[in-house]
């Protein structure tokens, strides 16, 4: 399987191990398959596989430089005892008329674990494959969950340093505690003054700073990324769409071949892009519902075809989605513009320089054929948490509530009766302040771990191992810097000469 950049011509073609290790193309584009896989498979057989075998099978479609046995070994390691549910991504029975795909049963209680327990396995395998003898520096911007999950996944991995930048004041107290409390001698989490987009833009700039990369190489280091910009991070997310479909079939929720909708809360567009890729691979998906919070740049884009990042930025109660520049949308545009790297490069340049771009009517029609978009305000998020809970006692986190609200509104307005799976991206215990207030209309007495314990007292359920680990962690002191100082700090961490 060969890979190319969304912004580069065909003069640079990479094998998947190199694409995984590089993370981001030097031309600023994102790596995509040169030829999208068109596997032949029996759907009934495929969706009956255990999650580990399903993951190995789908990964092999994209990363065939690795053997099936190697990928199965990686999948067994990634999806082993650190998960508190043997299904890895269990699908609930119906709650408030819809199914919820729980992606938070991993060690850091969020959907990022599914990709970021696998990515370190792929990076290690890719380094062996390419005979890389440098220290790998995982450089990542996070709005909360990616930082925690990448630190957990790469903790104490040989010849690897993990440097995570996050917006100061822009993550939840529990997310912050997870990042600062994650054990590992090779882990570094640093706050920047600004929002997630500032962090992500600076990280992309550092990736493309050739002089700094030359300096890294002279000191026997090289950059890679744990963000969803890395193709090795994105592809494992396809697996749980097939897994969810299989559970629907096996529990009698649908008949084999029947179409379903998926609603995905998203900011950086990776999770929902994985659903789009699943559909391209033949999974019977009807509509993909793109759910945004008050930073509703994607909602406006899917309705008008204009991407406009020049707007107010809001800190909301669904902080992992507080994003105005959705990186993975670039991969979707590349696909819908018939793989025109020239067009994509032009649009991305317009976004960087002018703050907006407009797609043509043909592409807008393609978008609206497959996607529905909506958003929820912070008040609507809390109201949805309470609505679902009052329905039958099921508790969801604020990000899942964004998707649940958008689904409920869409179904009421469209009368679409297609069975719908709401992608539940985080445990409610990661955001106890919001969930407690939504359920009781009262504020917690104290944020962070006390709030978690207060929510637990309210719900009376048993804490999972991942939640209990939060209570037991001792966080490091937070460090806050200006974005302009990021390269200097990286140099210091790596002892660059």
Protein backbone atom coordinates (compact mmCIF):
# COMPACT_ATOMS: atom_id res chain seq x y z
CA UNK A 1 0.00 0.00 0.00
CA UNK A 2 1.45 3.31 -1.13
CA UNK A 3 0.67 6.74 0.34
CA UNK A 4 0.69 10.26 -1.06
CA UNK A 5 0.10 13.75 0.32
CA UNK A 6 -3.21 15.57 -0.08
CA UNK A 7 -1.22 18.63 -1.15
CA UNK A 8 1.60 17.06 -3.13
CA UNK A 9 1.96 15.57 -6.59
CA UNK A 10 2.87 11.97 -7.30
CA UNK A 11 6.60 12.61 -7.25
CA UNK A 12 6.68 11.60 -3.59
CA UNK A 13 5.12 8.22 -2.84
CA UNK A 14 5.71 6.50 0.49
CA UNK A 15 5.12 3.04 1.87
CA UNK A 16 2.86 2.92 4.91
CA UNK A 17 5.63 2.44 7.53
CA UNK A 18 7.29 5.69 6.42
CA UNK A 19 3.95 7.51 6.28
CA UNK A 20 3.18 6.38 9.84
CA UNK A 21 6.58 7.48 11.12
CA UNK A 22 6.48 10.89 9.41
CA UNK A 23 2.93 11.63 10.53
CA UNK A 24 2.65 14.83 8.49
CA UNK A 25 3.88 15.45 4.96
CA UNK A 26 6.67 18.07 4.57
CA UNK A 27 4.44 19.97 2.12
CA UNK A 28 1.87 20.48 4.87
CA UNK A 29 -0.56 17.91 3.52
CA UNK A 30 -1.88 14.72 5.10
CA UNK A 31 -1.07 11.23 3.92
CA UNK A 32 -3.80 9.24 2.16
CA UNK A 33 -3.72 5.93 0.28
CA UNK A 34 -2.58 6.25 -3.31
CA UNK A 35 -5.34 3.78 -4.17
CA UNK A 36 -8.09 3.39 -1.57
CA UNK A 37 -8.51 -0.28 -0.62
CA UNK A 38 -11.27 -2.24 -2.34
CA UNK A 39 -11.24 -5.46 -0.33
CA UNK A 40 -13.40 -8.46 -1.11
CA UNK A 41 -15.00 -9.87 2.01
CA UNK A 42 -18.11 -11.55 3.37
CA UNK A 43 -19.77 -8.97 5.62
CA UNK A 44 -21.45 -11.58 7.83
CA UNK A 45 -18.12 -13.31 8.44
CA UNK A 46 -16.20 -10.07 8.97
CA UNK A 47 -18.53 -8.61 11.59
CA UNK A 48 -18.53 -11.90 13.50
CA UNK A 49 -14.82 -11.65 14.24
CA UNK A 50 -13.58 -10.75 17.74
CA UNK A 51 -12.50 -7.11 17.91
CA UNK A 52 -8.79 -7.96 17.80
CA UNK A 53 -9.12 -10.05 14.62
CA UNK A 54 -11.43 -7.48 13.04
CA UNK A 55 -8.84 -4.77 13.74
CA UNK A 56 -5.99 -6.83 12.29
CA UNK A 57 -8.02 -7.56 9.14
CA UNK A 58 -8.97 -3.94 8.46
CA UNK A 59 -5.49 -2.63 9.29
CA UNK A 60 -4.02 -5.11 6.83
CA UNK A 61 -6.09 -3.55 4.04
CA UNK A 62 -4.22 -0.28 4.61
CA UNK A 63 -0.86 -1.42 6.01
CA UNK A 64 -0.01 -4.53 4.03
CA UNK A 65 3.74 -4.09 4.52
CA UNK A 66 3.08 -5.64 7.93
CA UNK A 67 2.10 -9.31 7.98
CA UNK A 68 -1.29 -10.48 9.19
CA UNK A 69 0.39 -12.25 12.11
CA UNK A 70 2.26 -9.09 13.11
CA UNK A 71 -0.93 -7.00 13.03
CA UNK A 72 -2.87 -9.58 15.02
CA UNK A 73 -0.12 -9.59 17.64
CA UNK A 74 -0.27 -5.79 17.74
CA UNK A 75 -4.07 -5.86 18.05
CA UNK A 76 -3.95 -8.39 20.88
CA UNK A 77 -1.50 -6.12 22.74
CA UNK A 78 -3.47 -2.93 22.04
CA UNK A 79 -6.83 -4.42 22.98
CA UNK A 80 -5.88 -6.57 25.94
CA UNK A 81 -6.28 -6.46 29.70
CA UNK A 82 -6.23 -2.66 29.93
CA UNK A 83 -9.84 -2.60 28.65
CA UNK A 84 -12.72 -3.08 31.06
CA UNK A 85 -15.06 -4.61 28.46
CA UNK A 86 -14.14 -7.61 26.32
CA UNK A 87 -16.02 -6.14 23.34
CA UNK A 88 -13.66 -3.11 23.46
CA UNK A 89 -16.39 -0.91 21.88
CA UNK A 90 -19.70 -2.23 23.25
CA UNK A 91 -23.02 -1.08 21.83
CA UNK A 92 -25.78 -0.37 24.33
CA UNK A 93 -29.42 -1.36 24.02
CA UNK A 94 -31.67 1.50 22.95
CA UNK A 95 -31.72 4.53 25.24
CA UNK A 96 -34.13 7.34 24.34
CA UNK A 97 -34.78 5.50 21.02
CA UNK A 98 -31.13 5.29 19.89
CA UNK A 99 -28.08 3.08 20.39
CA UNK A 100 -24.87 4.37 21.99
CA UNK A 101 -21.47 3.03 20.95
CA UNK A 102 -19.32 3.25 24.08
CA UNK A 103 -15.73 4.00 23.11
CA UNK A 104 -14.52 4.86 26.62
CA UNK A 105 -13.67 1.49 28.12
CA UNK A 106 -9.91 1.92 27.67
CA UNK A 107 -7.32 3.14 30.17
CA UNK A 108 -7.95 6.91 29.75
CA UNK A 109 -11.75 6.73 29.41
CA UNK A 110 -12.08 8.23 25.93
CA UNK A 111 -12.34 7.08 22.32
CA UNK A 112 -8.77 8.16 21.61
CA UNK A 113 -7.60 5.03 23.43
CA UNK A 114 -8.81 2.83 20.58
CA UNK A 115 -6.37 4.43 18.16
CA UNK A 116 -3.67 5.38 20.65
CA UNK A 117 -3.27 1.94 22.14
CA UNK A 118 -2.65 0.73 18.57
CA UNK A 119 -0.51 3.58 17.22
CA UNK A 120 2.54 2.85 19.44
CA UNK A 121 2.44 -0.73 18.17
CA UNK A 122 2.39 0.50 14.58
CA UNK A 123 5.15 3.06 15.17
CA UNK A 124 7.37 0.42 16.77
CA UNK A 125 6.66 -2.00 13.93
CA UNK A 126 7.31 0.72 11.33
CA UNK A 127 10.63 1.65 12.96
CA UNK A 128 11.73 -1.99 12.72
CA UNK A 129 10.50 -2.24 9.14
CA UNK A 130 12.45 0.85 8.01
CA UNK A 131 15.47 0.11 10.26
CA UNK A 132 15.09 3.51 11.89
CA UNK A 133 17.85 4.13 14.42
CA UNK A 134 16.76 7.56 15.68
CA UNK A 135 14.82 8.55 18.77
CA UNK A 136 11.19 9.20 17.78
CA UNK A 137 9.72 12.43 19.14
CA UNK A 138 5.93 12.25 19.29
CA UNK A 139 4.90 15.90 18.97
CA UNK A 140 1.19 16.48 19.49
CA UNK A 141 -1.37 19.21 20.08
CA UNK A 142 -4.41 18.22 22.11
CA UNK A 143 -7.76 19.58 23.20
CA UNK A 144 -7.66 17.10 26.08
CA UNK A 145 -8.11 13.42 25.28
CA UNK A 146 -5.41 12.90 22.63
CA UNK A 147 -2.73 14.09 25.04
CA UNK A 148 -3.77 11.71 27.78
CA UNK A 149 -4.21 8.74 25.48
CA UNK A 150 -0.94 9.26 23.57
CA UNK A 151 0.99 9.65 26.81
CA UNK A 152 -0.57 6.46 28.15
CA UNK A 153 0.09 4.57 24.91
CA UNK A 154 3.74 5.63 24.53
CA UNK A 155 4.65 5.66 28.23
CA UNK A 156 8.24 4.43 28.76
CA UNK A 157 8.42 3.12 25.18
CA UNK A 158 12.06 2.67 24.20
CA UNK A 159 13.67 5.40 22.05
CA UNK A 160 10.55 7.57 22.21
CA UNK A 161 9.79 10.98 23.72
CA UNK A 162 6.25 12.34 23.91
CA UNK A 163 5.72 16.12 23.95
CA UNK A 164 2.12 17.29 24.25
CA UNK A 165 0.91 20.89 24.03
CA UNK A 166 -2.57 21.81 25.24
CA UNK A 167 -4.48 25.12 25.71
CA UNK A 168 -4.13 26.53 29.22
CA UNK A 169 -7.58 26.58 30.80
CA UNK A 170 -9.03 24.80 27.77
CA UNK A 171 -9.23 21.25 29.10
CA UNK A 172 -11.38 19.79 31.86
CA UNK A 173 -9.97 19.36 35.40
CA UNK A 174 -10.01 15.57 34.98
CA UNK A 175 -8.29 15.73 31.58
CA UNK A 176 -5.64 18.00 33.09
CA UNK A 177 -5.09 15.65 36.02
CA UNK A 178 -4.73 12.72 33.64
CA UNK A 179 -2.07 14.46 31.54
CA UNK A 180 -0.09 15.76 34.51
CA UNK A 181 -0.44 12.52 36.44
CA UNK A 182 0.41 10.04 33.70
CA UNK A 183 3.50 8.09 34.79
CA UNK A 184 6.41 7.76 32.37
CA UNK A 185 9.94 9.16 32.23
CA UNK A 186 9.53 10.10 28.54
CA UNK A 187 6.30 12.12 28.90
CA UNK A 188 5.99 15.92 28.76
CA UNK A 189 2.70 17.87 28.85
CA UNK A 190 2.91 21.66 28.53
CA UNK A 191 0.16 24.28 28.46
CA UNK A 192 0.27 27.16 25.99
CA UNK A 193 -1.36 30.57 26.22
CA UNK A 194 -4.07 30.34 23.57
CA UNK A 195 -6.61 27.84 22.29
CA UNK A 196 -6.31 24.44 20.63
CA UNK A 197 -6.08 25.93 17.15
CA UNK A 198 -3.06 27.96 18.31
CA UNK A 199 -1.43 24.79 19.60
CA UNK A 200 -2.24 22.78 16.46
CA UNK A 201 -1.05 25.53 14.11
CA UNK A 202 2.23 25.87 16.01
CA UNK A 203 2.80 22.11 15.99
CA UNK A 204 2.23 21.96 12.22
CA UNK A 205 4.66 24.88 11.79
CA UNK A 206 7.32 23.07 13.82
CA UNK A 207 6.80 19.90 11.78
CA UNK A 208 7.43 21.89 8.61
CA UNK A 209 10.39 23.92 9.95
CA UNK A 210 13.16 22.36 7.89
CA UNK A 211 16.00 24.01 9.83
CA UNK A 212 14.64 22.67 13.11
CA UNK A 213 14.13 19.22 11.60
CA UNK A 214 17.73 19.26 10.34
CA UNK A 215 18.85 20.09 13.87
CA UNK A 216 16.78 17.20 15.19
CA UNK A 217 18.38 14.83 12.70
CA UNK A 218 21.87 15.99 13.65
CA UNK A 219 21.01 15.02 17.22
CA UNK A 220 19.64 11.62 16.12
CA UNK A 221 15.96 12.53 16.60
CA UNK A 222 12.96 12.67 14.26
CA UNK A 223 9.41 13.92 14.65
CA UNK A 224 6.24 11.86 14.45
CA UNK A 225 2.70 12.66 15.53
CA UNK A 226 -0.04 11.08 17.60
CA UNK A 227 -2.66 13.49 16.28
CA UNK A 228 -5.27 12.16 13.87
CA UNK A 229 -3.21 13.85 11.15
CA UNK A 230 -1.15 10.62 11.37
CA UNK A 231 -2.65 7.96 9.12
CA UNK A 232 -1.63 5.32 11.67
CA UNK A 233 -3.87 7.04 14.20
CA UNK A 234 -6.84 7.44 11.84
CA UNK A 235 -7.20 3.97 10.34
CA UNK A 236 -7.75 2.05 13.64
CA UNK A 237 -10.84 4.20 14.19
CA UNK A 238 -12.56 2.57 11.20
CA UNK A 239 -12.75 -0.71 13.09
CA UNK A 240 -15.39 0.25 15.64
CA UNK A 241 -17.90 1.17 12.93
CA UNK A 242 -17.76 -2.40 11.66
CA UNK A 243 -17.85 -3.69 15.24
CA UNK A 244 -20.96 -1.62 16.01
CA UNK A 245 -22.70 -2.86 12.89
CA UNK A 246 -21.90 -6.43 13.85
CA UNK A 247 -23.39 -5.99 17.31
CA UNK A 248 -26.57 -4.52 15.80
CA UNK A 249 -26.95 -7.52 13.53
CA UNK A 250 -26.18 -10.09 16.21
CA UNK A 251 -28.63 -8.58 18.72
CA UNK A 252 -31.41 -8.37 16.13
CA UNK A 253 -31.46 -4.58 15.93
CA UNK A 254 -31.07 -4.74 12.15
CA UNK A 255 -30.93 -7.30 9.39
CA UNK A 256 -27.63 -7.97 7.61
CA UNK A 257 -27.29 -5.41 4.80
CA UNK A 258 -29.73 -2.92 6.34
CA UNK A 259 -28.41 0.63 6.45
CA UNK A 260 -27.75 2.56 9.66
CA UNK A 261 -26.95 6.15 10.60
CA UNK A 262 -24.01 7.14 12.79
CA UNK A 263 -23.92 10.41 14.72
CA UNK A 264 -20.43 11.57 15.63
CA UNK A 265 -19.44 14.42 17.96
CA UNK A 266 -16.39 15.92 16.32
CA UNK A 267 -14.06 18.89 16.26
CA UNK A 268 -11.02 17.73 14.30
CA UNK A 269 -13.13 15.56 11.95
CA UNK A 270 -11.12 12.38 12.48
CA UNK A 271 -13.77 10.22 14.13
CA UNK A 272 -16.42 10.94 11.51
CA UNK A 273 -13.90 10.64 8.66
CA UNK A 274 -13.23 7.10 9.86
CA UNK A 275 -16.97 6.48 9.45
CA UNK A 276 -16.81 7.88 5.92
CA UNK A 277 -13.92 5.52 5.17
CA UNK A 278 -15.94 2.62 6.61
CA UNK A 279 -18.72 3.48 4.18
CA UNK A 280 -16.22 3.59 1.29
CA UNK A 281 -15.12 0.11 2.36
CA UNK A 282 -18.68 -1.14 1.92
CA UNK A 283 -20.25 -0.85 5.37
CA UNK A 284 -24.00 -0.15 4.89
CA UNK A 285 -24.15 3.41 6.23
CA UNK A 286 -26.99 5.73 5.26
CA UNK A 287 -26.15 9.11 6.80
CA UNK A 288 -23.25 10.40 8.87
CA UNK A 289 -24.46 13.06 11.29
CA UNK A 290 -21.73 15.59 12.08
CA UNK A 291 -22.38 17.00 15.56
CA UNK A 292 -20.64 20.19 16.72
CA UNK A 293 -20.77 22.26 19.85
CA UNK A 294 -21.14 26.05 19.95
CA UNK A 295 -17.97 26.31 17.84
CA UNK A 296 -20.14 25.26 14.92
CA UNK A 297 -17.83 25.92 12.00
CA UNK A 298 -18.53 22.44 10.58
CA UNK A 299 -22.31 22.86 10.80
CA UNK A 300 -22.12 26.04 8.73
CA UNK A 301 -19.73 24.39 6.30
CA UNK A 302 -21.99 21.45 5.54
CA UNK A 303 -24.95 23.76 5.02
CA UNK A 304 -23.27 26.41 2.87
CA UNK A 305 -20.02 24.96 1.54
CA UNK A 306 -18.10 27.87 3.07
CA UNK A 307 -15.50 27.12 5.72
CA UNK A 308 -15.11 30.22 7.87
CA UNK A 309 -12.75 30.17 10.83
CA UNK A 310 -12.93 33.93 11.37
CA UNK A 311 -15.52 33.76 14.12
CA UNK A 312 -15.84 33.90 17.88
CA UNK A 313 -14.12 31.07 19.71
CA UNK A 314 -16.02 29.61 22.67
CA UNK A 315 -14.81 27.64 25.66
CA UNK A 316 -17.69 25.20 26.17
CA UNK A 317 -18.67 22.32 28.43
CA UNK A 318 -17.56 19.92 25.67
CA UNK A 319 -13.93 21.13 25.55
CA UNK A 320 -12.46 18.40 23.34
CA UNK A 321 -14.52 19.88 20.50
CA UNK A 322 -13.50 23.51 21.04
CA UNK A 323 -11.85 23.68 17.62
CA UNK A 324 -12.21 26.00 14.62
CA UNK A 325 -9.74 24.36 12.22
CA UNK A 326 -10.72 20.74 11.50
CA UNK A 327 -7.58 19.14 10.14
CA UNK A 328 -9.04 15.92 8.79
CA UNK A 329 -11.61 17.70 6.66
CA UNK A 330 -8.70 18.09 4.24
CA UNK A 331 -8.74 14.34 3.59
CA UNK A 332 -12.47 14.42 2.82
CA UNK A 333 -12.01 17.34 0.41
CA UNK A 334 -9.20 15.47 -1.33
CA UNK A 335 -11.58 12.56 -1.89
CA UNK A 336 -14.52 14.67 -3.06
CA UNK A 337 -12.36 16.75 -5.41
CA UNK A 338 -11.34 13.53 -7.18
CA UNK A 339 -7.90 13.54 -5.53
CA UNK A 340 -6.86 16.93 -6.88
CA UNK A 341 -3.88 17.92 -4.75
CA UNK A 342 -3.72 21.28 -6.53
CA UNK A 343 -7.27 22.17 -5.49
CA UNK A 344 -6.78 21.00 -1.91
CA UNK A 345 -3.50 22.91 -1.57
CA UNK A 346 -5.24 26.05 -2.87
CA UNK A 347 -8.11 25.69 -0.37
CA UNK A 348 -5.77 25.08 2.56
CA UNK A 349 -3.67 28.10 1.59
CA UNK A 350 -6.82 30.23 1.47
CA UNK A 351 -7.77 29.01 4.93
CA UNK A 352 -4.34 29.86 6.30
CA UNK A 353 -4.03 33.28 4.69
CA UNK A 354 -7.63 34.51 4.36
CA UNK A 355 -9.33 32.48 7.09
CA UNK A 356 -11.93 30.91 4.84
CA UNK A 357 -12.61 28.99 1.63
CA UNK A 358 -15.64 27.99 -0.45
CA UNK A 359 -16.15 24.63 -2.15
CA UNK A 360 -17.94 24.44 -5.48
CA UNK A 361 -21.56 23.36 -5.90
CA UNK A 362 -20.67 19.86 -7.09
CA UNK A 363 -18.68 19.13 -3.94
CA UNK A 364 -21.35 20.74 -1.74
CA UNK A 365 -23.95 18.41 -3.25
CA UNK A 366 -21.70 15.42 -2.55
CA UNK A 367 -21.28 16.57 1.06
CA UNK A 368 -25.00 16.97 1.59
CA UNK A 369 -25.78 13.59 0.06
CA UNK A 370 -23.81 11.80 2.75
CA UNK A 371 -23.66 14.14 5.75
CA UNK A 372 -26.11 15.91 8.00
CA UNK A 373 -24.80 18.58 10.38
CA UNK A 374 -26.06 20.21 13.54
CA UNK A 375 -24.82 21.68 16.80
CA UNK A 376 -25.71 22.06 20.46
CA UNK A 377 -25.17 24.97 22.84
CA UNK A 378 -23.87 24.35 26.38
CA UNK A 379 -27.40 24.67 27.78
CA UNK A 380 -28.70 22.19 25.21
CA UNK A 381 -25.90 19.81 26.15
CA UNK A 382 -26.97 19.80 29.80
CA UNK A 383 -30.64 19.46 28.88
CA UNK A 384 -29.81 16.43 26.70
CA UNK A 385 -27.83 14.73 29.47
CA UNK A 386 -30.88 15.08 31.71
CA UNK A 387 -33.35 13.99 29.00
CA UNK A 388 -31.50 10.76 28.31
CA UNK A 389 -31.03 10.07 32.03
CA UNK A 390 -34.71 10.59 32.80
CA UNK A 391 -35.63 8.27 29.94
CA UNK A 392 -34.12 5.19 31.57
CA UNK A 393 -31.23 6.11 33.84
CA UNK A 394 -28.47 6.13 31.20
CA UNK A 395 -25.73 8.72 31.78
CA UNK A 396 -23.74 10.33 28.96
CA UNK A 397 -20.85 12.79 28.90
CA UNK A 398 -21.14 16.30 27.35
CA UNK A 399 -19.56 15.34 24.01
CA UNK A 400 -21.89 12.38 23.60
CA UNK A 401 -24.73 14.73 24.58
CA UNK A 402 -23.83 17.00 21.66
CA UNK A 403 -24.29 14.03 19.30
CA UNK A 404 -27.42 12.84 21.11
CA UNK A 405 -29.02 16.29 20.88
CA UNK A 406 -28.21 16.65 17.18
CA UNK A 407 -29.64 13.18 16.55
CA UNK A 408 -32.86 13.92 18.43
CA UNK A 409 -33.37 17.20 16.57
CA UNK A 410 -32.64 15.60 13.19
CA UNK A 411 -35.04 12.74 13.78
CA UNK A 412 -37.83 15.05 14.87
CA UNK A 413 -37.38 17.32 11.85
CA UNK A 414 -36.66 14.74 9.13
CA UNK A 415 -38.75 11.80 10.40
CA UNK A 416 -35.82 9.57 9.40
CA UNK A 417 -36.47 6.20 11.07
CA UNK A 418 -33.13 4.64 10.09
CA UNK A 419 -31.60 2.82 13.11
CA UNK A 420 -29.05 5.24 14.54
CA UNK A 421 -25.86 4.71 16.50
CA UNK A 422 -24.62 7.65 18.57
CA UNK A 423 -20.85 7.52 19.00
CA UNK A 424 -20.20 7.95 22.73
CA UNK A 425 -16.70 9.32 22.97
CA UNK A 426 -15.96 9.68 26.70
CA UNK A 427 -16.94 8.48 30.14
CA UNK A 428 -19.22 10.86 32.06
CA UNK A 429 -16.64 10.67 34.86
CA UNK A 430 -14.20 12.68 32.72
CA UNK A 431 -16.56 15.66 32.96
CA UNK A 432 -18.25 15.27 36.35
CA UNK A 433 -18.86 18.98 36.89
CA UNK A 434 -21.09 19.29 33.83
CA UNK A 435 -22.83 15.94 34.26
CA UNK A 436 -23.60 16.54 37.95
CA UNK A 437 -25.02 19.99 37.24
CA UNK A 438 -27.11 18.64 34.37
CA UNK A 439 -28.63 15.92 36.53
CA UNK A 440 -29.20 17.94 39.72
CA UNK A 441 -29.19 21.61 38.66
CA UNK A 442 -26.61 22.09 41.42
CA UNK A 443 -22.90 22.84 41.15
CA UNK A 444 -20.33 20.45 42.56
CA UNK A 445 -18.67 21.56 45.76
CA UNK A 446 -15.20 21.32 44.16
CA UNK A 447 -13.96 20.51 40.66
CA UNK A 448 -11.73 17.62 39.62
CA UNK A 449 -11.53 14.46 41.72
CA UNK A 450 -13.96 15.71 44.42
CA UNK A 451 -16.51 16.33 41.64
CA UNK A 452 -15.91 12.83 40.31
CA UNK A 453 -16.57 11.38 43.75
CA UNK A 454 -19.67 13.54 44.14
CA UNK A 455 -21.04 12.25 40.83
CA UNK A 456 -20.25 8.71 41.90
CA UNK A 457 -22.16 9.20 45.13
CA UNK A 458 -25.13 10.44 43.10
CA UNK A 459 -25.12 7.56 40.63
CA UNK A 460 -24.15 4.82 43.06
CA UNK A 461 -22.44 2.71 40.40
CA UNK A 462 -19.14 0.86 40.58
CA UNK A 463 -16.05 2.79 39.49
CA UNK A 464 -14.11 1.25 36.60
CA UNK A 465 -10.38 0.64 36.89
CA UNK A 466 -9.72 3.67 34.67
CA UNK A 467 -11.77 5.97 36.88
CA UNK A 468 -10.17 4.58 40.03
CA UNK A 469 -6.72 5.24 38.54
CA UNK A 470 -7.64 8.92 38.30
CA UNK A 471 -8.22 9.05 42.02
CA UNK A 472 -4.86 7.40 42.72
CA UNK A 473 -2.69 9.61 40.46
CA UNK A 474 -0.39 12.34 41.76
CA UNK A 475 -0.18 15.10 39.12
CA UNK A 476 2.93 17.11 38.28
CA UNK A 477 3.04 20.91 38.42
CA UNK A 478 1.50 22.59 35.37
CA UNK A 479 3.82 24.61 33.14
CA UNK A 480 2.46 27.39 30.87
CA UNK A 481 4.40 28.96 27.99
CA UNK A 482 3.80 31.20 24.98
CA UNK A 483 3.41 29.45 21.59
CA UNK A 484 6.52 31.30 20.37
CA UNK A 485 8.59 29.43 22.97
CA UNK A 486 7.56 25.91 21.91
CA UNK A 487 10.64 25.18 19.80
CA UNK A 488 12.94 26.43 22.55
CA UNK A 489 11.27 24.15 25.09
CA UNK A 490 11.44 21.17 22.74
CA UNK A 491 15.17 21.81 22.30
CA UNK A 492 15.61 21.85 26.04
CA UNK A 493 13.65 18.63 26.59
CA UNK A 494 15.66 16.83 23.92
CA UNK A 495 19.00 18.40 24.92
CA UNK A 496 19.59 19.51 21.34
CA UNK A 497 23.00 20.93 20.54
